[in-house]
Amino acid sequence: MELKIFYTGVGSTKDEYTEAEFLTMMNDEFTNKNWDNVSDEKRVRQLQYKEWNLPNDFVVFTLMDWIEYSGANIIIN
């Protein structure tokens, strides 16, 4: 059984993703993002999360970290 993730936030183009699709999107939208070109307001909102040092720590996020950070949900069939 393949894990499915429900996500409609930043970067989404549909609402259901495979694990690989979701992780690729998170990396494209957050890990590999040039944060220098983001407004201060948006940067503060997106880079304050628990005790993480973001954006640097995005590279060590696990799937569960991404799900919690993004507000996504695992779909259980």
C-alpha atoms as a PDB file:
ATOM      1  CA  MET A   1       0.000   0.000   0.000  1.00  0.00           C
ATOM      2  CA  GLU A   2       1.381   3.373  -1.039  1.00  0.00           C
ATOM      3  CA  LEU A   3       1.144   6.292   1.368  1.00  0.00           C
ATOM      4  CA  LYS A   4      -1.039   9.174   0.183  1.00  0.00           C
ATOM      5  CA  ILE A   5      -0.871  12.727   1.517  1.00  0.00           C
ATOM      6  CA  PHE A   6      -3.617  15.347   1.376  1.00  0.00           C
ATOM      7  CA  TYR A   7      -2.186  18.853   0.892  1.00  0.00           C
ATOM      8  CA  THR A   8      -3.618  22.022  -0.643  1.00  0.00           C
ATOM      9  CA  GLY A   9      -1.090  24.601   0.548  1.00  0.00           C
ATOM     10  CA  VAL A  10       1.865  26.429  -0.989  1.00  0.00           C
ATOM     11  CA  GLY A  11       2.912  24.889  -4.299  1.00  0.00           C
ATOM     12  CA  SER A  12       0.043  22.436  -4.561  1.00  0.00           C
ATOM     13  CA  THR A  13      -1.526  21.759  -7.940  1.00  0.00           C
ATOM     14  CA  LYS A  14      -3.865  19.018  -6.746  1.00  0.00           C
ATOM     15  CA  ASP A  15      -4.960  17.747  -3.353  1.00  0.00           C
ATOM     16  CA  GLU A  16      -3.598  14.183  -3.153  1.00  0.00           C
ATOM     17  CA  TYR A  17       0.105  13.306  -3.425  1.00  0.00           C
ATOM     18  CA  THR A  18       2.351  10.286  -3.170  1.00  0.00           C
ATOM     19  CA  GLU A  19       5.141  10.516  -0.615  1.00  0.00           C
ATOM     20  CA  ALA A  20       7.694  11.187  -3.366  1.00  0.00           C
ATOM     21  CA  GLU A  21       5.544  13.880  -5.003  1.00  0.00           C
ATOM     22  CA  PHE A  22       4.943  15.602  -1.675  1.00  0.00           C
ATOM     23  CA  LEU A  23       8.618  15.583  -0.680  1.00  0.00           C
ATOM     24  CA  THR A  24       9.647  16.897  -4.099  1.00  0.00           C
ATOM     25  CA  MET A  25       7.131  19.733  -3.802  1.00  0.00           C
ATOM     26  CA  MET A  26       8.295  20.621  -0.270  1.00  0.00           C
ATOM     27  CA  ASN A  27      11.907  20.692  -1.420  1.00  0.00           C
ATOM     28  CA  ASP A  28      11.044  22.827  -4.453  1.00  0.00           C
ATOM     29  CA  GLU A  29       8.871  25.253  -2.479  1.00  0.00           C
ATOM     30  CA  PHE A  30      10.893  25.508   0.742  1.00  0.00           C
ATOM     31  CA  THR A  31      14.299  23.796   0.870  1.00  0.00           C
ATOM     32  CA  ASN A  32      15.547  24.994  -2.525  1.00  0.00           C
ATOM     33  CA  LYS A  33      13.816  28.394  -2.384  1.00  0.00           C
ATOM     34  CA  ASN A  34      15.859  31.586  -2.568  1.00  0.00           C
ATOM     35  CA  TRP A  35      14.639  33.169   0.657  1.00  0.00           C
ATOM     36  CA  ASP A  36      16.475  36.441  -0.082  1.00  0.00           C
ATOM     37  CA  ASN A  37      13.699  37.386  -2.519  1.00  0.00           C
ATOM     38  CA  VAL A  38      10.840  36.812  -0.040  1.00  0.00           C
ATOM     39  CA  SER A  39       9.172  39.680   1.812  1.00  0.00           C
ATOM     40  CA  ASP A  40      10.058  40.059   5.479  1.00  0.00           C
ATOM     41  CA  GLU A  41       6.470  39.350   6.555  1.00  0.00           C
ATOM     42  CA  LYS A  42       6.258  36.107   4.578  1.00  0.00           C
ATOM     43  CA  ARG A  43       9.773  35.045   5.622  1.00  0.00           C
ATOM     44  CA  VAL A  44       8.947  35.486   9.313  1.00  0.00           C
ATOM     45  CA  ARG A  45       5.678  33.575   8.960  1.00  0.00           C
ATOM     46  CA  GLN A  46       7.186  30.639   7.056  1.00  0.00           C
ATOM     47  CA  LEU A  47      10.521  30.355   8.833  1.00  0.00           C
ATOM     48  CA  GLN A  48       9.412  30.313  12.463  1.00  0.00           C
ATOM     49  CA  TYR A  49       8.654  26.730  13.395  1.00  0.00           C
ATOM     50  CA  LYS A  50       9.382  25.046  16.724  1.00  0.00           C
ATOM     51  CA  GLU A  51      13.090  25.224  17.576  1.00  0.00           C
ATOM     52  CA  TRP A  52      14.270  24.708  13.990  1.00  0.00           C
ATOM     53  CA  ASN A  53      16.839  27.008  12.366  1.00  0.00           C
ATOM     54  CA  LEU A  54      14.996  27.594   9.106  1.00  0.00           C
ATOM     55  CA  PRO A  55      15.602  27.652   6.191  1.00  0.00           C
ATOM     56  CA  ASN A  56      18.855  25.764   6.852  1.00  0.00           C
ATOM     57  CA  ASP A  57      17.185  22.914   8.738  1.00  0.00           C
ATOM     58  CA  PHE A  58      14.700  22.155   5.958  1.00  0.00           C
ATOM     59  CA  VAL A  59      17.335  19.778   4.556  1.00  0.00           C
ATOM     60  CA  VAL A  60      17.001  17.493   7.599  1.00  0.00           C
ATOM     61  CA  PHE A  61      13.186  17.462   7.777  1.00  0.00           C
ATOM     62  CA  THR A  62      11.651  13.999   7.766  1.00  0.00           C
ATOM     63  CA  LEU A  63       8.368  13.220   6.033  1.00  0.00           C
ATOM     64  CA  MET A  64       6.547  13.644   9.345  1.00  0.00           C
ATOM     65  CA  ASP A  65       8.256  17.011   9.937  1.00  0.00           C
ATOM     66  CA  TRP A  66       7.058  18.201   6.517  1.00  0.00           C
ATOM     67  CA  ILE A  67       3.530  16.961   7.151  1.00  0.00           C
ATOM     68  CA  GLU A  68       3.353  18.761  10.487  1.00  0.00           C
ATOM     69  CA  TYR A  69       5.044  21.936   9.207  1.00  0.00           C
ATOM     70  CA  SER A  70       2.818  22.185   6.130  1.00  0.00           C
ATOM     71  CA  GLY A  71      -0.456  21.168   7.732  1.00  0.00           C
ATOM     72  CA  ALA A  72      -0.803  18.213   5.370  1.00  0.00           C
ATOM     73  CA  ASN A  73      -2.601  15.012   6.346  1.00  0.00           C
ATOM     74  CA  ILE A  74      -1.912  11.355   5.701  1.00  0.00           C
ATOM     75  CA  ILE A  75      -4.786   9.686   3.875  1.00  0.00           C
ATOM     76  CA  ILE A  76      -5.827   6.374   5.367  1.00  0.00           C
ATOM     77  CA  ASN A  77      -7.927   4.167   3.097  1.00  0.00           C
END
